[in-house]
Amino acid sequence: MPLTDRLDIIGNYVYQLLLANKVPLGLQDVWYGDQNLTPTTPCAAVETGPKRREYNGAPRRYGVSIEVYVILYMERIQDQQLNRKQAEVLAEDVEILLHEDWTMGGLVIESFVSTSEPGYATRGRALVSAIRLTLSATSQRTLPSEYNPSP
């Protein structure tokens, strides 16, 4: 596949990767976009983040930085300490999966999980353990160099 700078393509790739590995990861649900309610956990939501371009060569070649967030939720009727520990294990397993496919099937030059942010989120009336992984991807794109004014 050629390198891409499209958020929708990279976000969907991460979503499909998690969906394909839902059972081995132990995920009950995977969503594209965060949800107000999480009816089953553990679950994951994939959110696209910012995209930045920086000039890196002529003519009109740009390095592209893209971030995708994977938000993991864990809440079971059990000791909250156990929920936190299980959320951390799940985050580490997802990170390993994302690192195994570091070019995203050839869509990017490289990618890696740059941050893992444990915390809590309110879903409905429940406080759930949550961890947000930031997947940072680097790509490259040459923008059109011919001027084509609109008719």
Protein backbone atom coordinates (compact mmCIF):
# COMPACT_ATOMS: atom_id res chain seq x y z
CA MET A 1 0.00 0.00 0.00
CA PRO A 2 1.21 3.56 -0.63
CA LEU A 3 1.94 5.91 2.25
CA THR A 4 -1.07 7.92 3.33
CA ASP A 5 -1.74 11.13 5.23
CA ARG A 6 -5.46 10.51 5.73
CA LEU A 7 -6.79 10.38 9.29
CA ASP A 8 -9.78 8.30 8.26
CA ILE A 9 -7.65 5.58 6.67
CA ILE A 10 -5.21 5.34 9.58
CA GLY A 11 -7.98 5.48 12.20
CA ASN A 12 -9.91 2.76 10.41
CA TYR A 13 -6.77 0.61 10.15
CA VAL A 14 -6.29 0.73 13.94
CA TYR A 15 -10.01 0.05 14.46
CA GLN A 16 -9.94 -2.98 12.13
CA LEU A 17 -6.74 -4.28 13.78
CA LEU A 18 -8.36 -4.18 17.22
CA LEU A 19 -11.58 -5.69 15.87
CA ALA A 20 -9.65 -8.57 14.27
CA ASN A 21 -7.84 -9.20 17.59
CA LYS A 22 -10.85 -8.67 19.84
CA VAL A 23 -11.01 -12.27 21.10
CA PRO A 24 -7.28 -12.76 21.85
CA LEU A 25 -7.23 -9.40 23.65
CA GLY A 26 -10.37 -10.27 25.61
CA LEU A 27 -12.29 -7.21 24.38
CA GLN A 28 -16.08 -7.33 24.47
CA ASP A 29 -16.57 -4.35 22.14
CA VAL A 30 -14.52 -2.11 19.84
CA TRP A 31 -15.90 1.22 18.59
CA TYR A 32 -14.78 3.83 16.10
CA GLY A 33 -15.26 6.95 18.19
CA ASP A 34 -15.76 7.23 21.92
CA GLN A 35 -19.08 6.29 23.49
CA ASN A 36 -21.22 7.85 26.24
CA LEU A 37 -22.03 4.43 27.67
CA THR A 38 -19.98 1.26 27.81
CA PRO A 39 -22.51 -1.56 28.18
CA THR A 40 -19.83 -4.24 28.29
CA THR A 41 -16.19 -4.14 29.32
CA PRO A 42 -13.38 -4.52 28.67
CA CYS A 43 -13.83 -2.44 25.55
CA ALA A 44 -11.90 -0.07 23.32
CA ALA A 45 -12.69 3.13 21.45
CA VAL A 46 -10.55 4.43 18.59
CA GLU A 47 -10.39 8.22 18.16
CA THR A 48 -8.37 10.07 15.57
CA GLY A 49 -6.26 12.92 16.90
CA PRO A 50 -4.32 15.79 15.37
CA LYS A 51 -2.49 15.70 12.06
CA ARG A 52 0.51 17.95 11.39
CA ARG A 53 2.59 18.60 8.30
CA GLU A 54 6.16 19.83 8.16
CA TYR A 55 8.11 20.66 5.03
CA ASN A 56 10.86 18.09 4.41
CA GLY A 57 11.94 18.42 0.79
CA ALA A 58 11.30 19.88 -2.60
CA PRO A 59 9.05 20.01 -4.44
CA ARG A 60 6.22 20.26 -1.88
CA ARG A 61 7.14 17.10 0.07
CA TYR A 62 5.91 17.05 3.63
CA GLY A 63 6.43 14.85 6.64
CA VAL A 64 3.10 14.04 8.26
CA SER A 65 2.57 13.28 11.96
CA ILE A 66 -0.72 11.67 12.93
CA GLU A 67 -2.01 10.63 16.32
CA VAL A 68 -4.68 8.04 17.03
CA TYR A 69 -6.04 7.47 20.53
CA VAL A 70 -7.06 4.04 21.75
CA ILE A 71 -9.16 4.39 24.90
CA LEU A 72 -9.56 1.24 26.94
CA TYR A 73 -12.29 0.80 29.55
CA MET A 74 -12.44 -1.83 32.28
CA GLU A 75 -15.23 -2.14 34.83
CA ARG A 76 -16.40 -5.34 36.39
CA ILE A 77 -18.26 -5.97 39.62
CA GLN A 78 -15.12 -6.68 41.62
CA ASP A 79 -12.51 -4.90 43.70
CA GLN A 80 -11.54 -1.60 42.03
CA GLN A 81 -7.86 -2.51 42.48
CA LEU A 82 -8.39 -5.58 40.34
CA ASN A 83 -10.12 -3.49 37.65
CA ARG A 84 -7.12 -1.15 37.58
CA LYS A 85 -4.63 -4.03 37.32
CA GLN A 86 -6.61 -5.72 34.54
CA ALA A 87 -6.86 -2.40 32.66
CA GLU A 88 -3.08 -2.05 32.83
CA VAL A 89 -2.53 -5.59 31.53
CA LEU A 90 -4.98 -4.94 28.67
CA ALA A 91 -3.19 -1.68 27.78
CA GLU A 92 0.17 -3.47 27.65
CA ASP A 93 -1.29 -6.21 25.43
CA VAL A 94 -2.80 -3.64 23.04
CA GLU A 95 0.52 -1.78 22.96
CA ILE A 96 2.34 -4.99 21.98
CA LEU A 97 -0.18 -5.58 19.16
CA LEU A 98 0.22 -2.03 17.83
CA HIS A 99 4.03 -2.30 17.94
CA GLU A 100 3.99 -5.56 15.96
CA ASP A 101 2.47 -3.77 12.94
CA TRP A 102 4.56 -0.61 13.10
CA THR A 103 4.09 0.35 9.41
CA MET A 104 0.34 -0.33 9.54
CA GLY A 105 0.53 -2.56 6.51
CA GLY A 106 2.66 -0.02 4.64
CA LEU A 107 0.37 2.99 5.23
CA VAL A 108 2.98 4.85 7.31
CA ILE A 109 6.75 4.99 7.65
CA GLU A 110 6.54 4.01 11.29
CA SER A 111 4.29 4.14 14.33
CA PHE A 112 4.64 3.59 18.05
CA VAL A 113 2.68 4.10 21.26
CA SER A 114 4.11 7.36 22.58
CA THR A 115 2.04 7.66 25.77
CA SER A 116 -0.09 5.55 28.05
CA GLU A 117 -2.31 7.56 30.38
CA PRO A 118 -4.12 5.63 33.13
CA GLY A 119 -7.09 7.25 34.80
CA TYR A 120 -10.83 7.04 35.24
CA ALA A 121 -13.85 8.01 33.16
CA THR A 122 -17.52 8.44 33.95
CA ARG A 123 -19.77 6.33 31.76
CA GLY A 124 -23.43 6.69 32.56
CA ARG A 125 -23.41 6.88 36.35
CA ALA A 126 -20.41 4.61 36.77
CA LEU A 127 -16.78 5.48 37.33
CA VAL A 128 -14.70 3.09 35.22
CA SER A 129 -10.98 2.43 34.91
CA ALA A 130 -9.69 3.87 31.66
CA ILE A 131 -6.35 4.05 29.92
CA ARG A 132 -5.69 6.20 26.86
CA LEU A 133 -2.93 5.08 24.52
CA THR A 134 -1.58 7.60 22.03
CA LEU A 135 -0.38 5.97 18.83
CA SER A 136 1.97 8.32 16.96
CA ALA A 137 2.46 7.66 13.25
CA THR A 138 4.86 9.23 10.76
CA SER A 139 4.15 9.34 7.07
CA GLN A 140 5.17 11.40 4.07
CA ARG A 141 3.25 12.99 1.26
CA THR A 142 4.05 15.08 -1.81
CA LEU A 143 1.35 17.63 -2.46
CA PRO A 144 0.35 18.62 -6.01
CA SER A 145 2.75 21.15 -7.54
CA GLU A 146 0.74 22.22 -10.57
CA TYR A 147 -1.67 25.10 -10.23
CA ASN A 148 -5.17 24.14 -11.40
CA PRO A 149 -7.59 26.99 -10.74
CA SER A 150 -11.24 26.07 -10.35
CA PRO A 151 -13.46 26.91 -13.35
